[in-house]
Amino acid sequence: MAISPEIDFDIKNLTSFKIGGKINEVFFPENLNEFEQILNENKNIKVFGNLSNTLVSTHGFDGKIVLTTKMNSSSIDGDKVIADAGVKGPKLAQDVCEAGLSGLEFMIGFPGSIGGEVFMNASANNQAISDYLLGVTCYSPIHGLLRYSKAEMAFDYRTSRCQSEDLIVLQAEFQLLPKDKSQIKAQMDENLTFRKLHQPSLALPNCGSIFKNPPGNSAGRLLDSVGAKELSVGGVRVWENHANFIVSNDNGTSTDVLELMYLMYKKVKDRYNIELEPEIRFLGGKDKRENELWQILNKK
């Protein structure tokens, strides 16, 4: 039996940027079987997690997408943990802490979900999601469901084999370290304090780090040195406490964000001849200027 999508779905309130228009069709699978069925019946459909690192066009998207937010089951068996793609990082960090397991403390301050964090090998506070990973279940549009060991995932800074091979993370398995709960909680509290000082609260709509760090350098430091904290466009601005974050007011649009990203990118390129690469994703296509800006930022 076919799984029905939500039609003309208003996506704005599901994005951490609180920006976005209507999507033609949105599917919400609840398990691996439903996910595989949707992708088999809708070739080349775009897949997203909880839209914490995605800018969705204010003009909407004329197409179909899958959101894995309802694929949110997890289990803990001894030191082994299995989590579906839609499990939110902070929730899993708290659950494994209660089980006396260490290795995911850094996720307490991440708004993202497991699928997206494995996809991009999320990291912070000297921990990465790949550190204690055993294996990943992925979906390939060509081969269907596949399982990869950690060694086969080709993890590197903010990347994995998922990007180069069009793989979608559905589930991850970890083997964590037993540790005293009070020590784990202390580390998580320290991470939250660090995040509050260096990253905007989600009460300020934002999408996390805007640009990746260039090899051997810091995007935030480069942007700060060219005065990016003074920049704003329309209803969005560079956050005053860290130059690699954009925050939105209630009236910010996707075009505002892309224009501001271009200003940030151009200032660094003009000063240092370094072309910053976006860390966020963009879902759009209906607006000519937005398409032009995204192509420039991705050097296409």
C-alpha atoms as a PDB file:
ATOM      1  CA  MET A   1       0.000   0.000   0.000  1.00  0.00           C
ATOM      2  CA  ALA A   2       1.391   3.387  -1.040  1.00  0.00           C
ATOM      3  CA  ILE A   3       2.387   5.815   1.711  1.00  0.00           C
ATOM      4  CA  SER A   4       0.671   9.181   1.338  1.00  0.00           C
ATOM      5  CA  PRO A   5       2.572  12.468   1.557  1.00  0.00           C
ATOM      6  CA  GLU A   6       1.522  15.773   3.096  1.00  0.00           C
ATOM      7  CA  ILE A   7       0.514  18.088   0.207  1.00  0.00           C
ATOM      8  CA  ASP A   8       1.538  21.784  -0.046  1.00  0.00           C
ATOM      9  CA  PHE A   9       3.250  21.424   3.307  1.00  0.00           C
ATOM     10  CA  ASP A  10       4.307  24.686   5.000  1.00  0.00           C
ATOM     11  CA  ILE A  11       7.829  23.846   6.153  1.00  0.00           C
ATOM     12  CA  LYS A  12       8.799  27.086   7.930  1.00  0.00           C
ATOM     13  CA  ASN A  13       8.154  25.991  11.515  1.00  0.00           C
ATOM     14  CA  LEU A  14      10.110  22.740  11.085  1.00  0.00           C
ATOM     15  CA  THR A  15      13.345  24.527  10.142  1.00  0.00           C
ATOM     16  CA  SER A  16      15.768  25.846  12.755  1.00  0.00           C
ATOM     17  CA  PHE A  17      16.082  29.041  10.650  1.00  0.00           C
ATOM     18  CA  LYS A  18      12.272  29.508  10.791  1.00  0.00           C
ATOM     19  CA  ILE A  19      12.502  30.313   7.073  1.00  0.00           C
ATOM     20  CA  GLY A  20      10.836  28.420   4.220  1.00  0.00           C
ATOM     21  CA  GLY A  21       7.801  28.234   1.988  1.00  0.00           C
ATOM     22  CA  LYS A  22       5.512  25.402   0.878  1.00  0.00           C
ATOM     23  CA  ILE A  23       6.805  22.044  -0.361  1.00  0.00           C
ATOM     24  CA  ASN A  24       4.691  20.226  -2.948  1.00  0.00           C
ATOM     25  CA  GLU A  25       4.888  16.835  -1.216  1.00  0.00           C
ATOM     26  CA  VAL A  26       6.509  15.797   2.074  1.00  0.00           C
ATOM     27  CA  PHE A  27       6.763  12.168   3.216  1.00  0.00           C
ATOM     28  CA  PHE A  28       7.243  11.230   6.886  1.00  0.00           C
ATOM     29  CA  PRO A  29       8.309   7.540   7.107  1.00  0.00           C
ATOM     30  CA  GLU A  30       8.332   5.967  10.565  1.00  0.00           C
ATOM     31  CA  ASN A  31      10.682   3.015   9.951  1.00  0.00           C
ATOM     32  CA  LEU A  32      13.200   1.516   7.515  1.00  0.00           C
ATOM     33  CA  ASN A  33      10.554  -0.389   5.541  1.00  0.00           C
ATOM     34  CA  GLU A  34       8.426   2.711   4.936  1.00  0.00           C
ATOM     35  CA  PHE A  35      11.506   4.712   4.000  1.00  0.00           C
ATOM     36  CA  GLU A  36      12.661   2.132   1.466  1.00  0.00           C
ATOM     37  CA  GLN A  37       9.170   1.914  -0.026  1.00  0.00           C
ATOM     38  CA  ILE A  38       8.939   5.707  -0.462  1.00  0.00           C
ATOM     39  CA  LEU A  39      12.341   5.923  -2.150  1.00  0.00           C
ATOM     40  CA  ASN A  40      11.622   2.955  -4.414  1.00  0.00           C
ATOM     41  CA  GLU A  41       8.381   4.599  -5.540  1.00  0.00           C
ATOM     42  CA  ASN A  42       9.853   8.115  -5.867  1.00  0.00           C
ATOM     43  CA  LYS A  43      13.206   7.995  -7.639  1.00  0.00           C
ATOM     44  CA  ASN A  44      15.722  10.797  -6.936  1.00  0.00           C
ATOM     45  CA  ILE A  45      13.611  12.226  -4.099  1.00  0.00           C
ATOM     46  CA  LYS A  46      15.513  14.535  -1.722  1.00  0.00           C
ATOM     47  CA  VAL A  47      15.982  13.409   1.873  1.00  0.00           C
ATOM     48  CA  PHE A  48      16.456  15.600   4.968  1.00  0.00           C
ATOM     49  CA  GLY A  49      16.693  15.097   8.728  1.00  0.00           C
ATOM     50  CA  ASN A  50      15.287  17.703  11.077  1.00  0.00           C
ATOM     51  CA  LEU A  51      16.315  20.666   8.882  1.00  0.00           C
ATOM     52  CA  SER A  52      18.734  22.072  11.461  1.00  0.00           C
ATOM     53  CA  ASN A  53      21.420  22.765   8.844  1.00  0.00           C
ATOM     54  CA  THR A  54      19.181  23.467   5.840  1.00  0.00           C
ATOM     55  CA  LEU A  55      18.048  26.770   4.376  1.00  0.00           C
ATOM     56  CA  VAL A  56      14.675  26.261   2.673  1.00  0.00           C
ATOM     57  CA  SER A  57      13.646  28.850   0.114  1.00  0.00           C
ATOM     58  CA  THR A  58      10.929  31.280   1.135  1.00  0.00           C
ATOM     59  CA  HIS A  59       9.554  30.634  -2.350  1.00  0.00           C
ATOM     60  CA  GLY A  60       9.084  26.946  -1.516  1.00  0.00           C
ATOM     61  CA  PHE A  61      10.100  23.881  -3.501  1.00  0.00           C
ATOM     62  CA  ASP A  62       8.314  22.364  -6.511  1.00  0.00           C
ATOM     63  CA  GLY A  63       9.008  18.741  -5.748  1.00  0.00           C
ATOM     64  CA  LYS A  64       8.949  15.914  -3.213  1.00  0.00           C
ATOM     65  CA  ILE A  65      11.083  15.451  -0.103  1.00  0.00           C
ATOM     66  CA  VAL A  66      11.395  12.933   2.702  1.00  0.00           C
ATOM     67  CA  LEU A  67      11.846  14.009   6.327  1.00  0.00           C
ATOM     68  CA  THR A  68      13.193  11.359   8.707  1.00  0.00           C
ATOM     69  CA  THR A  69      11.977  13.124  11.870  1.00  0.00           C
ATOM     70  CA  LYS A  70       9.506  10.323  12.695  1.00  0.00           C
ATOM     71  CA  MET A  71      12.183   7.624  12.346  1.00  0.00           C
ATOM     72  CA  ASN A  72      13.167   8.220  15.959  1.00  0.00           C
ATOM     73  CA  SER A  73      13.615   4.857  17.682  1.00  0.00           C
ATOM     74  CA  SER A  74      16.739   3.946  19.654  1.00  0.00           C
ATOM     75  CA  SER A  75      17.881   1.062  21.852  1.00  0.00           C
ATOM     76  CA  ILE A  76      20.663   0.459  24.379  1.00  0.00           C
ATOM     77  CA  ASP A  77      22.015  -3.044  25.043  1.00  0.00           C
ATOM     78  CA  GLY A  78      25.033  -3.052  27.346  1.00  0.00           C
ATOM     79  CA  ASP A  79      27.543  -0.710  25.704  1.00  0.00           C
ATOM     80  CA  LYS A  80      25.911  -1.043  22.249  1.00  0.00           C
ATOM     81  CA  VAL A  81      23.543   1.671  21.037  1.00  0.00           C
ATOM     82  CA  ILE A  82      21.398   1.647  17.887  1.00  0.00           C
ATOM     83  CA  ALA A  83      19.691   4.864  16.774  1.00  0.00           C
ATOM     84  CA  ASP A  84      17.476   5.670  13.797  1.00  0.00           C
ATOM     85  CA  ALA A  85      18.276   8.679  11.610  1.00  0.00           C
ATOM     86  CA  GLY A  86      15.580  10.880  13.146  1.00  0.00           C
ATOM     87  CA  VAL A  87      16.743  10.532  16.761  1.00  0.00           C
ATOM     88  CA  LYS A  88      17.805  13.959  17.985  1.00  0.00           C
ATOM     89  CA  GLY A  89      21.390  14.265  19.190  1.00  0.00           C
ATOM     90  CA  PRO A  90      20.637  15.873  22.586  1.00  0.00           C
ATOM     91  CA  LYS A  91      18.041  13.176  23.393  1.00  0.00           C
ATOM     92  CA  LEU A  92      20.475  10.359  22.593  1.00  0.00           C
ATOM     93  CA  ALA A  93      23.238  12.075  24.584  1.00  0.00           C
ATOM     94  CA  GLN A  94      20.946  12.215  27.631  1.00  0.00           C
ATOM     95  CA  ASP A  95      19.770   8.610  27.207  1.00  0.00           C
ATOM     96  CA  VAL A  96      23.280   7.143  27.028  1.00  0.00           C
ATOM     97  CA  CYS A  97      24.346   9.311  29.973  1.00  0.00           C
ATOM     98  CA  GLU A  98      21.576   7.734  32.053  1.00  0.00           C
ATOM     99  CA  ALA A  99      22.917   4.328  30.979  1.00  0.00           C
ATOM    100  CA  GLY A 100      26.413   5.327  32.126  1.00  0.00           C
ATOM    101  CA  LEU A 101      27.887   5.395  28.619  1.00  0.00           C
ATOM    102  CA  SER A 102      30.385   7.963  27.350  1.00  0.00           C
ATOM    103  CA  GLY A 103      31.268   9.035  23.813  1.00  0.00           C
ATOM    104  CA  LEU A 104      28.363  11.213  22.700  1.00  0.00           C
ATOM    105  CA  GLU A 105      28.671  14.077  25.207  1.00  0.00           C
ATOM    106  CA  PHE A 106      29.343  16.589  22.420  1.00  0.00           C
ATOM    107  CA  MET A 107      25.861  16.026  20.959  1.00  0.00           C
ATOM    108  CA  ILE A 108      24.106  17.589  23.947  1.00  0.00           C
ATOM    109  CA  GLY A 109      24.413  21.018  22.333  1.00  0.00           C
ATOM    110  CA  PHE A 110      23.658  19.978  18.743  1.00  0.00           C
ATOM    111  CA  PRO A 111      20.131  20.596  17.424  1.00  0.00           C
ATOM    112  CA  GLY A 112      20.648  18.023  14.640  1.00  0.00           C
ATOM    113  CA  SER A 113      19.568  14.396  14.299  1.00  0.00           C
ATOM    114  CA  ILE A 114      21.700  11.260  14.012  1.00  0.00           C
ATOM    115  CA  GLY A 115      21.271  10.829  10.250  1.00  0.00           C
ATOM    116  CA  GLY A 116      22.571  14.283   9.412  1.00  0.00           C
ATOM    117  CA  GLU A 117      25.325  14.121  12.018  1.00  0.00           C
ATOM    118  CA  VAL A 118      26.691  10.827  10.656  1.00  0.00           C
ATOM    119  CA  PHE A 119      26.319  12.109   7.072  1.00  0.00           C
ATOM    120  CA  MET A 120      28.578  15.100   7.824  1.00  0.00           C
ATOM    121  CA  ASN A 121      30.661  13.478  10.611  1.00  0.00           C
ATOM    122  CA  ALA A 122      29.577  16.128  13.097  1.00  0.00           C
ATOM    123  CA  SER A 123      32.115  17.053  15.746  1.00  0.00           C
ATOM    124  CA  ALA A 124      32.667  19.445  18.653  1.00  0.00           C
ATOM    125  CA  ASN A 125      34.620  19.673  21.905  1.00  0.00           C
ATOM    126  CA  ASN A 126      37.247  17.145  20.737  1.00  0.00           C
ATOM    127  CA  GLN A 127      34.667  14.465  19.958  1.00  0.00           C
ATOM    128  CA  ALA A 128      33.230  13.308  16.613  1.00  0.00           C
ATOM    129  CA  ILE A 129      30.250  11.097  15.919  1.00  0.00           C
ATOM    130  CA  SER A 130      32.540   8.666  14.102  1.00  0.00           C
ATOM    131  CA  ASP A 131      34.728   8.068  17.190  1.00  0.00           C
ATOM    132  CA  TYR A 132      32.644   5.241  18.647  1.00  0.00           C
ATOM    133  CA  LEU A 133      30.681   4.257  15.558  1.00  0.00           C
ATOM    134  CA  LEU A 134      30.506   0.558  14.667  1.00  0.00           C
ATOM    135  CA  GLY A 135      28.420   0.652  11.519  1.00  0.00           C
ATOM    136  CA  VAL A 136      25.825   2.512   9.499  1.00  0.00           C
ATOM    137  CA  THR A 137      22.761   1.395   7.551  1.00  0.00           C
ATOM    138  CA  CYS A 138      22.348   3.539   4.439  1.00  0.00           C
ATOM    139  CA  TYR A 139      20.046   3.729   1.459  1.00  0.00           C
ATOM    140  CA  SER A 140      21.483   3.866  -2.057  1.00  0.00           C
ATOM    141  CA  PRO A 141      19.163   4.857  -4.923  1.00  0.00           C
ATOM    142  CA  ILE A 142      20.999   2.241  -7.008  1.00  0.00           C
ATOM    143  CA  HIS A 143      21.578  -0.615  -4.549  1.00  0.00           C
ATOM    144  CA  GLY A 144      18.879  -0.158  -1.884  1.00  0.00           C
ATOM    145  CA  LEU A 145      19.733  -0.810   1.775  1.00  0.00           C
ATOM    146  CA  LEU A 146      23.461  -1.168   2.494  1.00  0.00           C
ATOM    147  CA  ARG A 147      25.486  -1.588   5.676  1.00  0.00           C
ATOM    148  CA  TYR A 148      28.942  -0.107   6.100  1.00  0.00           C
ATOM    149  CA  SER A 149      31.476  -0.512   8.881  1.00  0.00           C
ATOM    150  CA  LYS A 150      33.146   2.586  10.311  1.00  0.00           C
ATOM    151  CA  ALA A 151      36.272   1.848   8.258  1.00  0.00           C
ATOM    152  CA  GLU A 152      34.202   1.764   5.064  1.00  0.00           C
ATOM    153  CA  MET A 153      32.561   5.156   5.716  1.00  0.00           C
ATOM    154  CA  ALA A 154      35.651   7.222   4.739  1.00  0.00           C
ATOM    155  CA  PHE A 155      35.103   9.718   7.565  1.00  0.00           C
ATOM    156  CA  ASP A 156      37.058  12.969   7.496  1.00  0.00           C
ATOM    157  CA  TYR A 157      36.456  16.543   8.678  1.00  0.00           C
ATOM    158  CA  ARG A 158      32.772  17.305   8.019  1.00  0.00           C
ATOM    159  CA  THR A 159      32.523  14.540   5.466  1.00  0.00           C
ATOM    160  CA  SER A 160      31.924  10.840   4.784  1.00  0.00           C
ATOM    161  CA  ARG A 161      31.431   8.621   1.751  1.00  0.00           C
ATOM    162  CA  CYS A 162      27.733   9.605   1.843  1.00  0.00           C
ATOM    163  CA  GLN A 163      28.407  12.882   0.026  1.00  0.00           C
ATOM    164  CA  SER A 164      30.358  11.361  -2.860  1.00  0.00           C
ATOM    165  CA  GLU A 165      28.124   8.318  -3.332  1.00  0.00           C
ATOM    166  CA  ASP A 166      24.642   9.779  -2.743  1.00  0.00           C
ATOM    167  CA  LEU A 167      24.039   7.625   0.352  1.00  0.00           C
ATOM    168  CA  ILE A 168      21.311   8.367   2.879  1.00  0.00           C
ATOM    169  CA  VAL A 169      21.940   7.454   6.534  1.00  0.00           C
ATOM    170  CA  LEU A 170      19.021   5.543   8.073  1.00  0.00           C
ATOM    171  CA  GLN A 171      20.473   4.014  11.220  1.00  0.00           C
ATOM    172  CA  ALA A 172      23.733   4.027  13.196  1.00  0.00           C
ATOM    173  CA  GLU A 173      25.248   1.617  15.709  1.00  0.00           C
ATOM    174  CA  PHE A 174      27.734   2.681  18.386  1.00  0.00           C
ATOM    175  CA  GLN A 175      29.886   0.965  20.972  1.00  0.00           C
ATOM    176  CA  LEU A 176      30.371   3.404  23.835  1.00  0.00           C
ATOM    177  CA  LEU A 177      32.560   3.492  26.935  1.00  0.00           C
ATOM    178  CA  PRO A 178      31.152   2.734  30.413  1.00  0.00           C
ATOM    179  CA  LYS A 179      31.794   5.700  32.699  1.00  0.00           C
ATOM    180  CA  ASP A 180      30.470   7.280  35.872  1.00  0.00           C
ATOM    181  CA  LYS A 181      27.255   9.178  35.151  1.00  0.00           C
ATOM    182  CA  SER A 182      28.355  12.218  37.134  1.00  0.00           C
ATOM    183  CA  GLN A 183      31.494  12.561  34.988  1.00  0.00           C
ATOM    184  CA  ILE A 184      29.482  12.262  31.784  1.00  0.00           C
ATOM    185  CA  LYS A 185      26.986  14.858  32.975  1.00  0.00           C
ATOM    186  CA  ALA A 186      29.779  17.219  34.023  1.00  0.00           C
ATOM    187  CA  GLN A 187      31.256  17.006  30.524  1.00  0.00           C
ATOM    188  CA  MET A 188      27.855  17.669  28.952  1.00  0.00           C
ATOM    189  CA  ASP A 189      27.303  20.688  31.203  1.00  0.00           C
ATOM    190  CA  GLU A 190      30.715  22.011  30.182  1.00  0.00           C
ATOM    191  CA  ASN A 191      29.839  21.499  26.512  1.00  0.00           C
ATOM    192  CA  LEU A 192      26.540  23.359  26.942  1.00  0.00           C
ATOM    193  CA  THR A 193      28.329  26.268  28.604  1.00  0.00           C
ATOM    194  CA  PHE A 194      30.821  26.386  25.739  1.00  0.00           C
ATOM    195  CA  ARG A 195      28.010  26.344  23.188  1.00  0.00           C
ATOM    196  CA  LYS A 196      26.154  29.193  24.896  1.00  0.00           C
ATOM    197  CA  LEU A 197      29.305  31.318  24.715  1.00  0.00           C
ATOM    198  CA  HIS A 198      30.234  30.446  21.128  1.00  0.00           C
ATOM    199  CA  GLN A 199      26.967  29.666  19.328  1.00  0.00           C
ATOM    200  CA  PRO A 200      23.582  31.408  19.265  1.00  0.00           C
ATOM    201  CA  SER A 201      20.676  29.953  21.176  1.00  0.00           C
ATOM    202  CA  LEU A 202      17.950  28.405  19.038  1.00  0.00           C
ATOM    203  CA  ALA A 203      15.739  31.157  20.422  1.00  0.00           C
ATOM    204  CA  LEU A 204      17.613  33.136  17.753  1.00  0.00           C
ATOM    205  CA  PRO A 205      16.672  31.268  14.561  1.00  0.00           C
ATOM    206  CA  ASN A 206      19.883  30.031  12.929  1.00  0.00           C
ATOM    207  CA  CYS A 207      21.277  27.157  10.934  1.00  0.00           C
ATOM    208  CA  GLY A 208      24.508  26.448  12.789  1.00  0.00           C
ATOM    209  CA  SER A 209      27.893  27.124  11.226  1.00  0.00           C
ATOM    210  CA  ILE A 210      27.429  28.675   7.786  1.00  0.00           C
ATOM    211  CA  PHE A 211      30.820  27.852   6.221  1.00  0.00           C
ATOM    212  CA  LYS A 212      33.213  24.939   6.660  1.00  0.00           C
ATOM    213  CA  ASN A 213      36.658  25.611   8.097  1.00  0.00           C
ATOM    214  CA  PRO A 214      39.230  25.723   5.287  1.00  0.00           C
ATOM    215  CA  PRO A 215      42.137  23.271   5.716  1.00  0.00           C
ATOM    216  CA  GLY A 216      44.327  24.482   8.568  1.00  0.00           C
ATOM    217  CA  ASN A 217      42.230  27.581   9.146  1.00  0.00           C
ATOM    218  CA  SER A 218      39.070  28.841  10.827  1.00  0.00           C
ATOM    219  CA  ALA A 219      36.101  30.240   8.897  1.00  0.00           C
ATOM    220  CA  GLY A 220      34.997  32.184  11.973  1.00  0.00           C
ATOM    221  CA  ARG A 221      38.422  33.782  12.444  1.00  0.00           C
ATOM    222  CA  LEU A 222      38.696  34.722   8.755  1.00  0.00           C
ATOM    223  CA  LEU A 223      35.212  36.238   8.741  1.00  0.00           C
ATOM    224  CA  ASP A 224      35.842  38.122  11.967  1.00  0.00           C
ATOM    225  CA  SER A 225      39.051  39.617  10.550  1.00  0.00           C
ATOM    226  CA  VAL A 226      37.202  41.100   7.555  1.00  0.00           C
ATOM    227  CA  GLY A 227      34.496  42.703   9.692  1.00  0.00           C
ATOM    228  CA  ALA A 228      31.721  40.242   8.899  1.00  0.00           C
ATOM    229  CA  LYS A 229      30.054  40.810  12.301  1.00  0.00           C
ATOM    230  CA  GLU A 230      28.937  44.212  11.028  1.00  0.00           C
ATOM    231  CA  LEU A 231      27.066  42.726   8.051  1.00  0.00           C
ATOM    232  CA  SER A 232      23.299  42.395   7.675  1.00  0.00           C
ATOM    233  CA  VAL A 233      20.836  42.023   4.803  1.00  0.00           C
ATOM    234  CA  GLY A 234      17.098  42.543   5.188  1.00  0.00           C
ATOM    235  CA  GLY A 235      15.876  40.497   8.143  1.00  0.00           C
ATOM    236  CA  VAL A 236      19.105  38.573   8.810  1.00  0.00           C
ATOM    237  CA  ARG A 237      22.493  39.460  10.289  1.00  0.00           C
ATOM    238  CA  VAL A 238      25.816  37.959  11.241  1.00  0.00           C
ATOM    239  CA  TRP A 239      25.742  37.047  14.951  1.00  0.00           C
ATOM    240  CA  GLU A 240      27.703  39.507  17.052  1.00  0.00           C
ATOM    241  CA  ASN A 241      29.450  36.794  19.103  1.00  0.00           C
ATOM    242  CA  HIS A 242      30.714  34.585  16.252  1.00  0.00           C
ATOM    243  CA  ALA A 243      31.187  35.624  12.626  1.00  0.00           C
ATOM    244  CA  ASN A 244      30.344  32.195  11.148  1.00  0.00           C
ATOM    245  CA  PHE A 245      26.697  32.297  12.246  1.00  0.00           C
ATOM    246  CA  ILE A 246      23.715  34.029  10.666  1.00  0.00           C
ATOM    247  CA  VAL A 247      20.647  34.741  12.779  1.00  0.00           C
ATOM    248  CA  SER A 248      17.212  35.688  11.499  1.00  0.00           C
ATOM    249  CA  ASN A 249      14.629  38.139  12.743  1.00  0.00           C
ATOM    250  CA  ASP A 250      10.971  37.304  12.282  1.00  0.00           C
ATOM    251  CA  ASN A 251      10.978  38.745   8.754  1.00  0.00           C
ATOM    252  CA  GLY A 252      14.195  37.167   7.406  1.00  0.00           C
ATOM    253  CA  THR A 253      13.962  35.476   3.988  1.00  0.00           C
ATOM    254  CA  SER A 254      16.067  32.859   2.214  1.00  0.00           C
ATOM    255  CA  THR A 255      17.199  35.478  -0.298  1.00  0.00           C
ATOM    256  CA  ASP A 256      18.409  37.654   2.593  1.00  0.00           C
ATOM    257  CA  VAL A 257      20.465  34.725   3.909  1.00  0.00           C
ATOM    258  CA  LEU A 258      22.027  33.916   0.527  1.00  0.00           C
ATOM    259  CA  GLU A 259      22.850  37.571  -0.182  1.00  0.00           C
ATOM    260  CA  LEU A 260      24.497  37.814   3.245  1.00  0.00           C
ATOM    261  CA  MET A 261      26.413  34.580   2.668  1.00  0.00           C
ATOM    262  CA  TYR A 262      27.685  35.995  -0.607  1.00  0.00           C
ATOM    263  CA  LEU A 263      28.894  39.193   1.123  1.00  0.00           C
ATOM    264  CA  MET A 264      30.706  37.100   3.745  1.00  0.00           C
ATOM    265  CA  TYR A 265      32.220  34.822   1.096  1.00  0.00           C
ATOM    266  CA  LYS A 266      33.338  37.754  -1.071  1.00  0.00           C
ATOM    267  CA  LYS A 267      35.009  39.636   1.782  1.00  0.00           C
ATOM    268  CA  VAL A 268      37.159  36.617   2.652  1.00  0.00           C
ATOM    269  CA  LYS A 269      37.927  35.872  -0.998  1.00  0.00           C
ATOM    270  CA  ASP A 270      38.938  39.484  -1.706  1.00  0.00           C
ATOM    271  CA  ARG A 271      41.201  39.707   1.365  1.00  0.00           C
ATOM    272  CA  TYR A 272      42.764  36.232   1.459  1.00  0.00           C
ATOM    273  CA  ASN A 273      41.917  34.608  -1.897  1.00  0.00           C
ATOM    274  CA  ILE A 274      40.234  31.825   0.103  1.00  0.00           C
ATOM    275  CA  GLU A 275      36.851  30.609  -1.152  1.00  0.00           C
ATOM    276  CA  LEU A 276      34.752  29.508   1.806  1.00  0.00           C
ATOM    277  CA  GLU A 277      32.527  26.484   1.214  1.00  0.00           C
ATOM    278  CA  PRO A 278      28.974  26.345   2.631  1.00  0.00           C
ATOM    279  CA  GLU A 279      28.380  23.912   5.471  1.00  0.00           C
ATOM    280  CA  ILE A 280      24.604  24.310   5.207  1.00  0.00           C
ATOM    281  CA  ARG A 281      22.336  22.784   2.554  1.00  0.00           C
ATOM    282  CA  PHE A 282      19.862  24.718   0.411  1.00  0.00           C
ATOM    283  CA  LEU A 283      16.474  23.568  -0.856  1.00  0.00           C
ATOM    284  CA  GLY A 284      14.939  25.825  -3.468  1.00  0.00           C
ATOM    285  CA  GLY A 285      15.151  26.388  -7.197  1.00  0.00           C
ATOM    286  CA  LYS A 286      12.187  28.656  -7.988  1.00  0.00           C
ATOM    287  CA  ASP A 287      13.976  32.004  -7.669  1.00  0.00           C
ATOM    288  CA  LYS A 288      16.580  33.055 -10.242  1.00  0.00           C
ATOM    289  CA  ARG A 289      18.669  35.229  -7.912  1.00  0.00           C
ATOM    290  CA  GLU A 290      18.786  32.535  -5.223  1.00  0.00           C
ATOM    291  CA  ASN A 291      19.925  29.989  -7.810  1.00  0.00           C
ATOM    292  CA  GLU A 292      22.685  32.339  -9.006  1.00  0.00           C
ATOM    293  CA  LEU A 293      23.918  32.969  -5.465  1.00  0.00           C
ATOM    294  CA  TRP A 294      23.937  29.283  -4.531  1.00  0.00           C
ATOM    295  CA  GLN A 295      25.881  28.399  -7.690  1.00  0.00           C
ATOM    296  CA  ILE A 296      28.498  31.064  -6.883  1.00  0.00           C
ATOM    297  CA  LEU A 297      28.838  29.862  -3.287  1.00  0.00           C
ATOM    298  CA  ASN A 298      29.267  26.277  -4.460  1.00  0.00           C
ATOM    299  CA  LYS A 299      31.594  27.285  -7.317  1.00  0.00           C
ATOM    300  CA  LYS A 300      29.403  25.645  -9.970  1.00  0.00           C
END
